[in-house]
Amino acid sequence: MKPDLNSIVQTLLQENANLTLQNAQYKSVLEQYEKRFGAQIAEEQAKEEGK
């Protein structure tokens, strides 16, 4: 039996919610990383560009 359209839509909505949450978590980790290492990264990039 094929799943009905409503079931497919519900599955996609749930998957979208899961991915949205996961994206927010990754973004949070990235922001923390940038706060911690941002100055160091900028310094290293400046050194590379100066070569």
Protein backbone atom coordinates (compact mmCIF):
# COMPACT_ATOMS: atom_id res chain seq x y z
CA MET A 1 0.00 0.00 0.00
CA LYS A 2 1.35 3.39 -1.00
CA PRO A 3 1.54 6.04 1.71
CA ASP A 4 -1.03 8.77 1.26
CA LEU A 5 -0.09 12.34 0.46
CA ASN A 6 -0.89 13.54 3.99
CA SER A 7 1.51 10.97 5.44
CA ILE A 8 4.25 12.05 3.05
CA VAL A 9 3.69 15.73 3.91
CA GLN A 10 3.80 14.96 7.65
CA THR A 11 7.06 13.04 7.21
CA LEU A 12 8.60 15.92 5.25
CA LEU A 13 7.45 18.47 7.82
CA GLN A 14 9.00 16.43 10.61
CA GLU A 15 12.24 16.00 8.70
CA ASN A 16 12.31 19.75 8.01
CA ALA A 17 11.84 20.45 11.73
CA ASN A 18 14.66 18.05 12.60
CA LEU A 19 17.01 19.64 10.08
CA THR A 20 16.08 23.14 11.26
CA LEU A 21 16.94 22.17 14.82
CA GLN A 22 20.17 20.50 13.74
CA ASN A 23 21.12 23.59 11.72
CA ALA A 24 20.53 25.82 14.75
CA GLN A 25 22.74 23.56 16.85
CA TYR A 26 25.56 23.64 14.27
CA LYS A 27 25.22 27.41 13.98
CA SER A 28 25.50 27.75 17.74
CA VAL A 29 28.65 25.61 17.82
CA LEU A 30 30.15 27.61 14.94
CA GLU A 31 29.42 30.91 16.72
CA GLN A 32 31.09 29.61 19.88
CA TYR A 33 34.10 28.48 17.85
CA GLU A 34 34.34 31.86 16.13
CA LYS A 35 34.15 33.68 19.47
CA ARG A 36 36.90 31.52 20.88
CA PHE A 37 39.23 31.39 17.87
CA GLY A 38 38.14 34.29 15.66
CA ALA A 39 41.05 36.58 16.51
CA GLN A 40 43.56 33.77 16.01
CA ILE A 41 42.04 32.84 12.65
CA ALA A 42 42.08 36.47 11.46
CA GLU A 43 45.70 36.79 12.52
CA GLU A 44 46.71 33.67 10.61
CA GLN A 45 44.78 34.78 7.52
CA ALA A 46 46.55 38.16 7.61
CA LYS A 47 49.90 36.38 7.77
CA GLU A 48 48.96 34.22 4.76
CA GLU A 49 47.80 37.22 2.74
CA GLY A 50 51.05 39.04 3.55
CA LYS A 51 53.15 36.29 1.95
